[in-house]
Amino acid sequence: MQKVLIGIVKGVFLLVFAILKGTWFASGVTLDMYKARRDRKATKQDQANERELTKLLLERERQRLKEERAGK
């Protein structure tokens, strides 16, 4: 009898938890929060890519100037 009661309580708890979780994830607040986080991460990645590209372009320009000076 006790195992049956525990099983019923667990089932009700899981059902309530599933409903609350579904409601939470369906809310716009959660989705906006994840979108904002994803956008910040993408912005940081874009900035890192831009810094890397700038570094490569500067190195290429230095190399070109070095070769010009050596050729003169």
N, C-alpha and C. Protein backbone atom coordinates (compact mmCIF):
# COMPACT_ATOMS: atom_id res chain seq x y z
N MET A 1 0.82 -1.19 0.00
CA MET A 1 0.00 0.00 0.00
C MET A 1 0.87 1.27 0.00
N GLN A 2 1.94 1.21 0.77
CA GLN A 2 2.82 2.38 0.86
C GLN A 2 3.52 2.63 -0.47
N LYS A 3 3.94 1.57 -1.17
CA LYS A 3 4.61 1.72 -2.47
C LYS A 3 3.66 2.33 -3.49
N VAL A 4 2.40 1.94 -3.43
CA VAL A 4 1.40 2.48 -4.36
C VAL A 4 1.22 3.97 -4.10
N LEU A 5 1.16 4.36 -2.84
CA LEU A 5 0.99 5.76 -2.48
C LEU A 5 2.21 6.58 -2.93
N ILE A 6 3.39 6.05 -2.73
CA ILE A 6 4.61 6.73 -3.16
C ILE A 6 4.62 6.87 -4.68
N GLY A 7 4.22 5.83 -5.39
CA GLY A 7 4.14 5.88 -6.84
C GLY A 7 3.17 6.94 -7.33
N ILE A 8 2.03 7.06 -6.67
CA ILE A 8 1.03 8.06 -7.05
C ILE A 8 1.57 9.46 -6.80
N VAL A 9 2.21 9.68 -5.66
CA VAL A 9 2.77 11.00 -5.33
C VAL A 9 3.86 11.37 -6.34
N LYS A 10 4.72 10.42 -6.69
CA LYS A 10 5.77 10.68 -7.69
C LYS A 10 5.15 11.03 -9.03
N GLY A 11 4.12 10.31 -9.42
CA GLY A 11 3.46 10.57 -10.69
C GLY A 11 2.85 11.96 -10.74
N VAL A 12 2.18 12.34 -9.66
CA VAL A 12 1.58 13.68 -9.59
C VAL A 12 2.66 14.74 -9.63
N PHE A 13 3.74 14.52 -8.88
CA PHE A 13 4.85 15.48 -8.86
C PHE A 13 5.44 15.64 -10.26
N LEU A 14 5.69 14.54 -10.94
CA LEU A 14 6.27 14.60 -12.28
C LEU A 14 5.32 15.29 -13.26
N LEU A 15 4.03 15.04 -13.12
CA LEU A 15 3.05 15.69 -13.99
C LEU A 15 3.03 17.20 -13.77
N VAL A 16 3.01 17.62 -12.50
CA VAL A 16 3.02 19.05 -12.19
C VAL A 16 4.32 19.68 -12.67
N PHE A 17 5.43 19.01 -12.45
CA PHE A 17 6.72 19.52 -12.88
C PHE A 17 6.76 19.67 -14.40
N ALA A 18 6.25 18.70 -15.13
CA ALA A 18 6.24 18.76 -16.59
C ALA A 18 5.38 19.93 -17.08
N ILE A 19 4.25 20.15 -16.43
CA ILE A 19 3.38 21.26 -16.83
C ILE A 19 4.07 22.59 -16.56
N LEU A 20 4.67 22.73 -15.39
CA LEU A 20 5.36 23.98 -15.06
C LEU A 20 6.55 24.22 -15.99
N LYS A 21 7.28 23.18 -16.28
CA LYS A 21 8.43 23.31 -17.17
C LYS A 21 7.98 23.71 -18.57
N GLY A 22 6.93 23.11 -19.06
CA GLY A 22 6.39 23.46 -20.37
C GLY A 22 5.91 24.89 -20.43
N THR A 23 5.27 25.33 -19.37
CA THR A 23 4.79 26.71 -19.30
C THR A 23 5.97 27.68 -19.27
N TRP A 24 7.00 27.34 -18.50
CA TRP A 24 8.17 28.21 -18.37
C TRP A 24 8.88 28.36 -19.71
N PHE A 25 9.12 27.24 -20.40
CA PHE A 25 9.84 27.31 -21.66
C PHE A 25 8.98 27.89 -22.79
N ALA A 26 7.68 27.83 -22.64
CA ALA A 26 6.81 28.41 -23.66
C ALA A 26 6.66 29.92 -23.48
N SER A 27 7.05 30.40 -22.31
CA SER A 27 6.90 31.84 -22.06
C SER A 27 7.91 32.62 -22.88
N GLY A 28 7.54 33.81 -23.26
CA GLY A 28 8.42 34.66 -24.06
C GLY A 28 9.64 35.13 -23.30
N VAL A 29 9.54 35.20 -21.97
CA VAL A 29 10.66 35.68 -21.16
C VAL A 29 11.86 34.76 -21.32
N THR A 30 11.61 33.48 -21.24
CA THR A 30 12.71 32.51 -21.35
C THR A 30 13.32 32.57 -22.74
N LEU A 31 12.49 32.63 -23.75
CA LEU A 31 12.99 32.67 -25.11
C LEU A 31 13.81 33.93 -25.36
N ASP A 32 13.33 35.06 -24.85
CA ASP A 32 14.06 36.32 -24.99
C ASP A 32 15.41 36.26 -24.28
N MET A 33 15.41 35.59 -23.11
CA MET A 33 16.64 35.47 -22.35
C MET A 33 17.67 34.67 -23.15
N TYR A 34 17.24 33.57 -23.73
CA TYR A 34 18.17 32.76 -24.53
C TYR A 34 18.61 33.49 -25.79
N LYS A 35 17.70 34.24 -26.41
CA LYS A 35 18.06 35.01 -27.61
C LYS A 35 19.10 36.07 -27.27
N ALA A 36 18.91 36.75 -26.15
CA ALA A 36 19.87 37.78 -25.73
C ALA A 36 21.23 37.16 -25.47
N ARG A 37 21.25 36.02 -24.81
CA ARG A 37 22.52 35.34 -24.52
C ARG A 37 23.21 34.92 -25.82
N ARG A 38 22.43 34.39 -26.75
CA ARG A 38 23.00 33.96 -28.03
C ARG A 38 23.54 35.16 -28.82
N ASP A 39 22.80 36.27 -28.76
CA ASP A 39 23.26 37.47 -29.46
C ASP A 39 24.55 38.02 -28.87
N ARG A 40 24.65 38.03 -27.54
CA ARG A 40 25.89 38.50 -26.90
C ARG A 40 27.06 37.60 -27.27
N LYS A 41 26.81 36.30 -27.29
CA LYS A 41 27.88 35.36 -27.65
C LYS A 41 28.31 35.57 -29.10
N ALA A 42 27.34 35.79 -29.98
CA ALA A 42 27.67 36.02 -31.39
C ALA A 42 28.43 37.33 -31.56
N THR A 43 28.06 38.34 -30.80
CA THR A 43 28.76 39.63 -30.88
C THR A 43 30.21 39.47 -30.43
N LYS A 44 30.40 38.75 -29.33
CA LYS A 44 31.77 38.51 -28.85
C LYS A 44 32.58 37.75 -29.89
N GLN A 45 31.97 36.77 -30.54
CA GLN A 45 32.68 35.99 -31.55
C GLN A 45 33.02 36.86 -32.75
N ASP A 46 32.09 37.73 -33.15
CA ASP A 46 32.35 38.64 -34.27
C ASP A 46 33.51 39.59 -33.94
N GLN A 47 33.54 40.09 -32.72
CA GLN A 47 34.62 40.98 -32.31
C GLN A 47 35.96 40.25 -32.31
N ALA A 48 35.96 39.01 -31.84
CA ALA A 48 37.19 38.22 -31.84
C ALA A 48 37.66 37.96 -33.26
N ASN A 49 36.73 37.64 -34.15
CA ASN A 49 37.09 37.41 -35.55
C ASN A 49 37.66 38.68 -36.18
N GLU A 50 37.06 39.82 -35.84
CA GLU A 50 37.53 41.09 -36.38
C GLU A 50 38.94 41.41 -35.89
N ARG A 51 39.20 41.16 -34.61
CA ARG A 51 40.55 41.39 -34.07
C ARG A 51 41.57 40.49 -34.75
N GLU A 52 41.20 39.24 -34.96
CA GLU A 52 42.11 38.29 -35.61
C GLU A 52 42.39 38.72 -37.05
N LEU A 53 41.36 39.14 -37.76
CA LEU A 53 41.52 39.59 -39.14
C LEU A 53 42.42 40.84 -39.19
N THR A 54 42.19 41.77 -38.28
CA THR A 54 43.02 42.97 -38.23
C THR A 54 44.47 42.61 -37.97
N LYS A 55 44.68 41.68 -37.06
CA LYS A 55 46.04 41.24 -36.75
C LYS A 55 46.72 40.63 -37.98
N LEU A 56 45.98 39.80 -38.71
CA LEU A 56 46.54 39.18 -39.91
C LEU A 56 46.83 40.22 -40.99
N LEU A 57 45.93 41.18 -41.16
CA LEU A 57 46.15 42.22 -42.17
C LEU A 57 47.35 43.09 -41.82
N LEU A 58 47.51 43.43 -40.56
CA LEU A 58 48.67 44.21 -40.14
C LEU A 58 49.97 43.45 -40.36
N GLU A 59 49.94 42.17 -40.05
CA GLU A 59 51.14 41.34 -40.27
C GLU A 59 51.49 41.26 -41.75
N ARG A 60 50.46 41.11 -42.59
CA ARG A 60 50.69 41.06 -44.03
C ARG A 60 51.28 42.38 -44.54
N GLU A 61 50.75 43.50 -44.03
CA GLU A 61 51.25 44.81 -44.43
C GLU A 61 52.70 45.01 -43.96
N ARG A 62 53.01 44.59 -42.74
CA ARG A 62 54.39 44.67 -42.26
C ARG A 62 55.33 43.87 -43.14
N GLN A 63 54.89 42.67 -43.50
CA GLN A 63 55.71 41.80 -44.35
C GLN A 63 55.94 42.45 -45.72
N ARG A 64 54.90 43.06 -46.28
CA ARG A 64 55.01 43.72 -47.57
C ARG A 64 55.99 44.89 -47.50
N LEU A 65 55.88 45.70 -46.45
CA LEU A 65 56.80 46.82 -46.28
C LEU A 65 58.23 46.35 -46.08
N LYS A 66 58.38 45.28 -45.35
CA LYS A 66 59.71 44.72 -45.10
C LYS A 66 60.34 44.25 -46.42
N GLU A 67 59.53 43.60 -47.27
CA GLU A 67 60.02 43.14 -48.57
C GLU A 67 60.34 44.30 -49.48
N GLU A 68 59.54 45.38 -49.43
CA GLU A 68 59.82 46.56 -50.24
C GLU A 68 61.15 47.20 -49.84
N ARG A 69 61.38 47.30 -48.54
CA ARG A 69 62.62 47.89 -48.07
C ARG A 69 63.83 47.01 -48.46
N ALA A 70 63.65 45.73 -48.39
CA ALA A 70 64.75 44.82 -48.72
C ALA A 70 65.04 44.86 -50.23
N GLY A 71 64.02 45.11 -51.04
CA GLY A 71 64.17 45.14 -52.49
C GLY A 71 64.81 46.42 -53.00
N LYS A 72 64.81 47.46 -52.21
CA LYS A 72 65.34 48.76 -52.67
C LYS A 72 66.81 48.83 -52.63
